[in-house]
Every structure is written in C-alpha cells, then in structure tokens.
Amino acid sequence: MSLPAPRLVLLEPQQAGNLGFIARLMENYALQDWWAVNGVPWRGSDAERTGAMARPALEKLQACASLEDALADRTHVVGFTARSGFRRDPVPLEDLQTEIDAWGPDARPALLFGREDRGLENAECERCTLLVRIPVPGLQSFNLSHAVALALHEWFRGRTELPPIEISASRAGAGRWSGEEDKLRFARKSVAELQKFRFPEPASEIEATLRRVLAAPVERRDLCLLERIFRHIEWLEEHARAE
C-alpha cells in the first residue's frame, strides 16, 4: 500500500554538518518537506560544505520554534529512539513497514529525530504514534544523519520504483566472464609485446603457455587490468622515444 512521503522533523539539531548530510538524503529520496525545531542555523555553517551537492534541499529546510508547529498537520508520528524502558516500547526498524502498512493512503506521517546528545525526551516520545529503535550489537546510538539514512532506506524499501541502472553499450550483455575471443586477443598481444623486448622463448611456446593459463575462467575485470598494463607499457615506450 502506498503512503504519502513523510515529513522529516529534527528536534534541536546541534551539529550543522549533519544538516548538510541530511539535505543530501532529502535529494537522494526526492523529499522536500523537512523541519528543524530550534536547530542550529545552517547558513554560513559547515552545512554549506557537507550539503554542497544539495543546496536546493537546504533552502527548503523550515525552521520553527516548537514541536507542536512542526507536527501540527501530521496524523502519524514515528519517533526514533535508542532507549527502551519507562514509557518507551520501540519496535525494531525491520518492523517499521509492517506497522505503517495499516495507516492507509490518507495518513500524513512524520519521522521525528531527537538531539544528537540525548535524543528524544519522554514527553516527546509520548507525542509519537510509533517508536522505532535501530538494533545494533555495539554502541546503541547513531550519528543523526546516519539514523536518518537508515530510516529513509527502510521507509522506502520496496515502495518506490527506482530508475534502472544505466549500463554502457560496451558492457551491455557482456556478463562477468571473459570470452574465448578476448582471451585469445590478450594472448597474442602479450606475445607481440614480449617479442619487442626480445624475450628468449619462441612465440609459439609463449602463446601456448598463455592459452593454457587462460583456459581457466577469467573475469572481465581481471583481463581488462592485464590489458591496461600492456597499454601502459606501450605508452612508456612511446614516451621514451619522444625524449
């Protein structure tokens, strides 16, 4: 079931660099609606460096003075917290999609993230429809921008049709492994280069040896590297003659 794109709400963000990184995430996921409640200003700060590739997203960041303003028109709020306990019963991140599937297309959701140093307070957690924890085996808290990245990935996983990865015409249908024709071309090129340096073994013996070696499966990337080595040798020869 499709859900409207969520609003991202950052409560009192303290590190401007994180705002720049999150702006890039907003661009990654084609989101435009994000708010900072009593946050550090981004203009003239490190956010302009970390978010240099996402300046339009930074310009869309809305500043407000209260959490109530940021959530005023939201029907569902997902809060992210690293802590469990009194008044907190978060579900693991992998259960997020199951939980939100029941909300329906008319929901107006928000994703709420707390301060870098102490996260969300209990009163703020009580404003949430759902609390989510990102389970990890080590240090429980994430950097703010990392937590946002994981949350957005999970929110959109399987829900958004992504554009296909473009493959160059030269690689289209090429597959992983080198073909016999490619390996034979490399063997003959190797023989020709070695003869230039007066390698003592007969050309027929060199080519036969290379064919036996190349009879095993060879990945295209490995054969390409070997061919680049010989091209570099040719370049060195030409450069030496020019001098």
Protein backbone atom coordinates (compact mmCIF):
# COMPACT_ATOMS: atom_id res chain seq x y z
CA MET A 1 0.00 0.00 0.00
CA SER A 2 1.35 3.41 -0.92
CA LEU A 3 1.85 6.06 1.73
CA PRO A 4 2.43 9.77 1.24
CA ALA A 5 6.02 10.89 1.54
CA PRO A 6 6.88 11.57 5.18
CA ARG A 7 7.81 14.91 6.70
CA LEU A 8 11.23 14.84 8.35
CA VAL A 9 11.36 16.63 11.70
CA LEU A 10 14.65 17.27 13.50
CA LEU A 11 14.31 18.30 17.12
CA GLU A 12 17.00 20.79 18.20
CA PRO A 13 19.76 19.58 15.85
CA GLN A 14 23.08 20.77 17.23
CA GLN A 15 25.65 20.00 14.51
CA ALA A 16 25.33 21.99 11.32
CA GLY A 17 27.32 19.41 9.38
CA ASN A 18 24.55 16.89 9.95
CA LEU A 19 22.05 19.23 8.29
CA GLY A 20 24.15 19.19 5.14
CA PHE A 21 24.37 15.42 5.11
CA ILE A 22 20.62 15.13 5.67
CA ALA A 23 19.97 17.60 2.85
CA ARG A 24 21.77 15.17 0.56
CA LEU A 25 19.49 12.40 1.81
CA MET A 26 16.47 14.56 1.06
CA GLU A 27 17.72 14.84 -2.51
CA ASN A 28 18.50 11.10 -2.64
CA TYR A 29 14.92 10.22 -1.74
CA ALA A 30 13.28 13.12 -3.62
CA LEU A 31 11.84 14.59 -0.42
CA GLN A 32 11.14 18.28 0.13
CA ASP A 33 9.31 18.59 3.44
CA TRP A 34 11.67 18.87 6.40
CA TRP A 35 11.65 20.96 9.55
CA ALA A 36 14.15 21.86 12.26
CA VAL A 37 12.80 22.76 15.69
CA ASN A 38 15.07 25.25 17.48
CA GLY A 39 18.01 23.97 15.48
CA VAL A 40 21.42 25.38 14.71
CA PRO A 41 21.29 27.72 11.68
CA TRP A 42 22.73 26.24 8.52
CA ARG A 43 23.61 29.41 6.62
CA GLY A 44 27.28 30.29 6.91
CA SER A 45 27.98 26.99 8.67
CA ASP A 46 29.56 23.62 7.92
CA ALA A 47 26.22 22.54 6.44
CA GLU A 48 27.06 24.50 3.30
CA ARG A 49 30.09 22.25 2.85
CA THR A 50 28.56 18.88 3.72
CA GLY A 51 25.41 19.74 1.78
CA ALA A 52 27.09 21.48 -1.14
CA MET A 53 25.58 19.00 -3.60
CA ALA A 54 22.10 19.52 -2.14
CA ARG A 55 21.82 23.28 -1.75
CA PRO A 56 18.19 23.32 -3.02
CA ALA A 57 17.23 20.93 -0.22
CA LEU A 58 18.97 23.10 2.37
CA GLU A 59 16.97 26.07 1.13
CA LYS A 60 13.76 24.13 1.77
CA LEU A 61 14.57 23.43 5.44
CA GLN A 62 11.89 25.13 7.53
CA ALA A 63 12.78 26.47 10.97
CA CYS A 64 10.21 26.63 13.74
CA ALA A 65 10.16 27.27 17.47
CA SER A 66 8.11 24.34 18.75
CA LEU A 67 7.47 20.68 18.09
CA GLU A 68 3.76 21.45 18.02
CA ASP A 69 4.27 23.69 14.98
CA ALA A 70 6.27 21.03 13.13
CA LEU A 71 3.69 18.30 13.78
CA ALA A 72 0.51 20.40 13.66
CA ASP A 73 -0.95 18.83 10.50
CA ARG A 74 0.52 15.34 10.95
CA THR A 75 -1.75 12.38 11.68
CA HIS A 76 1.00 9.85 12.49
CA VAL A 77 4.43 10.41 14.04
CA VAL A 78 7.27 7.89 14.02
CA GLY A 79 9.87 8.69 16.66
CA PHE A 80 13.34 7.16 16.63
CA THR A 81 14.98 6.33 19.93
CA ALA A 82 17.89 4.20 21.07
CA ARG A 83 16.39 3.67 24.52
CA SER A 84 13.74 1.34 25.87
CA GLY A 85 12.11 1.38 29.26
CA PHE A 86 9.64 3.58 31.14
CA ARG A 87 7.05 4.92 28.65
CA ARG A 88 9.12 3.58 25.77
CA ASP A 89 8.39 0.40 23.88
CA PRO A 90 10.04 0.81 20.49
CA VAL A 91 9.74 -1.73 17.70
CA PRO A 92 12.87 -2.73 15.75
CA LEU A 93 13.44 -0.92 12.47
CA GLU A 94 12.74 -4.04 10.41
CA ASP A 95 9.14 -3.99 11.69
CA LEU A 96 8.52 -0.42 10.53
CA GLN A 97 6.90 -1.31 7.22
CA THR A 98 4.51 -3.79 8.83
CA GLU A 99 3.40 -1.14 11.31
CA ILE A 100 2.81 1.64 8.80
CA ASP A 101 1.02 -0.56 6.26
CA ALA A 102 -2.10 -0.29 8.41
CA TRP A 103 -2.22 3.51 8.24
CA GLY A 104 -3.57 3.82 4.73
CA PRO A 105 -3.04 6.42 1.98
CA ASP A 106 -4.76 9.23 3.90
CA ALA A 107 -2.12 9.29 6.63
CA ARG A 108 0.13 12.34 6.88
CA PRO A 109 3.23 10.86 8.52
CA ALA A 110 6.26 12.48 10.10
CA LEU A 111 9.60 10.96 11.06
CA LEU A 112 10.89 12.53 14.26
CA PHE A 113 14.56 12.50 15.30
CA GLY A 114 15.93 13.85 18.58
CA ARG A 115 19.00 15.80 19.60
CA GLU A 116 22.47 14.47 18.88
CA ASP A 117 23.46 14.40 22.56
CA ARG A 118 20.36 12.98 24.26
CA GLY A 119 17.76 12.08 21.65
CA LEU A 120 14.06 12.36 22.48
CA GLU A 121 12.78 13.06 25.98
CA ASN A 122 9.90 11.03 27.44
CA ALA A 123 7.36 13.79 26.84
CA GLU A 124 8.36 13.93 23.20
CA CYS A 125 8.12 10.17 22.84
CA GLU A 126 4.56 10.38 24.13
CA ARG A 127 3.71 12.52 21.09
CA CYS A 128 4.61 9.62 18.79
CA THR A 129 2.22 7.14 17.22
CA LEU A 130 5.08 4.67 16.98
CA LEU A 131 8.57 4.45 18.43
CA VAL A 132 11.32 2.73 16.45
CA ARG A 133 14.73 1.50 17.52
CA ILE A 134 17.59 0.67 15.16
CA PRO A 135 19.07 -2.50 16.67
CA VAL A 136 22.85 -2.91 16.62
CA PRO A 137 25.23 -5.19 18.54
CA GLY A 138 27.55 -2.39 19.68
CA LEU A 139 27.12 1.29 20.50
CA GLN A 140 23.37 1.86 20.51
CA SER A 141 23.14 5.46 19.32
CA PHE A 142 23.79 6.55 15.75
CA ASN A 143 25.02 9.81 14.36
CA LEU A 144 21.90 11.80 13.45
CA SER A 145 22.49 11.74 9.70
CA HIS A 146 23.23 8.00 9.77
CA ALA A 147 19.99 7.31 11.65
CA VAL A 148 18.04 9.34 9.10
CA ALA A 149 19.68 7.43 6.25
CA LEU A 150 18.72 4.05 7.73
CA ALA A 151 15.18 5.21 8.47
CA LEU A 152 14.56 6.54 4.97
CA HIS A 153 16.01 3.42 3.41
CA GLU A 154 13.63 1.26 5.42
CA TRP A 155 10.67 3.56 4.80
CA PHE A 156 11.07 3.43 1.03
CA ARG A 157 12.38 -0.12 0.70
CA GLY A 158 10.16 -1.96 -1.75
CA ARG A 159 7.77 1.00 -2.02
CA THR A 160 9.49 3.14 -4.62
CA GLU A 161 10.20 2.18 -8.20
CA LEU A 162 13.80 3.13 -8.79
CA PRO A 163 15.22 4.07 -12.20
CA PRO A 164 17.20 1.27 -13.84
CA ILE A 165 20.98 1.36 -13.58
CA GLU A 166 22.41 2.56 -16.86
CA ILE A 167 24.93 0.22 -18.45
CA SER A 168 27.19 1.41 -21.22
CA ALA A 169 26.70 -0.13 -24.66
CA SER A 170 30.15 -1.68 -24.50
CA ARG A 171 29.23 -3.58 -21.33
CA ALA A 172 25.61 -4.35 -22.09
CA GLY A 173 25.17 -8.09 -22.15
CA ALA A 174 28.87 -8.60 -21.56
CA GLY A 175 28.45 -10.65 -18.44
CA ARG A 176 31.03 -11.39 -15.79
CA TRP A 177 33.42 -13.68 -17.63
CA SER A 178 35.86 -13.09 -20.46
CA GLY A 179 35.08 -14.86 -23.71
CA GLU A 180 37.49 -17.05 -25.64
CA GLU A 181 37.96 -14.36 -28.28
CA ASP A 182 39.00 -11.81 -25.65
CA LYS A 183 41.45 -14.22 -24.06
CA LEU A 184 42.98 -15.13 -27.42
CA ARG A 185 43.40 -11.45 -28.28
CA PHE A 186 45.18 -10.87 -24.99
CA ALA A 187 47.48 -13.86 -25.51
CA ARG A 188 48.55 -12.64 -28.96
CA LYS A 189 49.02 -9.10 -27.69
CA SER A 190 51.22 -10.42 -24.88
CA VAL A 191 53.37 -12.38 -27.33
CA ALA A 192 53.83 -9.32 -29.52
CA GLU A 193 54.87 -7.14 -26.60
CA LEU A 194 57.30 -9.71 -25.22
CA GLN A 195 58.92 -10.11 -28.63
CA LYS A 196 59.59 -6.38 -28.69
CA PHE A 197 61.73 -6.89 -25.60
CA ARG A 198 63.47 -9.92 -27.20
CA PHE A 199 62.09 -12.40 -24.72
CA PRO A 200 64.10 -15.58 -25.41
CA GLU A 201 61.27 -18.12 -25.59
CA PRO A 202 59.70 -18.83 -29.02
CA ALA A 203 56.45 -17.03 -29.74
CA SER A 204 54.61 -20.34 -30.22
CA GLU A 205 55.66 -21.53 -26.75
CA ILE A 206 54.62 -18.27 -25.10
CA GLU A 207 51.20 -18.30 -26.76
CA ALA A 208 50.63 -21.96 -25.90
CA THR A 209 51.50 -21.30 -22.26
CA LEU A 210 49.18 -18.30 -22.08
CA ARG A 211 46.36 -20.28 -23.66
CA ARG A 212 46.74 -22.99 -21.03
CA VAL A 213 46.73 -20.39 -18.25
CA LEU A 214 43.72 -18.61 -19.74
CA ALA A 215 41.78 -21.84 -20.22
CA ALA A 216 40.53 -21.33 -16.68
CA PRO A 217 37.59 -18.90 -16.22
CA VAL A 218 38.86 -15.31 -16.17
CA GLU A 219 36.73 -12.38 -15.02
CA ARG A 220 36.44 -9.49 -17.44
CA ARG A 221 37.72 -7.01 -14.88
CA ASP A 222 40.93 -9.05 -14.43
CA LEU A 223 41.57 -9.34 -18.15
CA CYS A 224 40.91 -5.61 -18.56
CA LEU A 225 43.53 -4.84 -15.93
CA LEU A 226 46.11 -7.02 -17.68
CA GLU A 227 45.36 -5.28 -20.97
CA ARG A 228 45.78 -1.88 -19.31
CA ILE A 229 49.22 -2.99 -18.10
CA PHE A 230 50.34 -3.61 -21.68
CA ARG A 231 48.82 -0.32 -22.85
CA HIS A 232 50.82 1.41 -20.14
CA ILE A 233 54.00 -0.32 -21.33
CA GLU A 234 53.27 0.93 -24.86
CA TRP A 235 52.81 4.45 -23.53
CA LEU A 236 56.13 4.26 -21.69
CA GLU A 237 57.86 3.13 -24.89
CA GLU A 238 56.38 6.00 -26.91
CA HIS A 239 57.27 8.48 -24.17
CA ALA A 240 60.85 7.21 -24.06
CA ARG A 241 61.21 7.52 -27.85
CA ALA A 242 59.84 11.08 -27.74
CA GLU A 243 62.56 12.07 -25.31
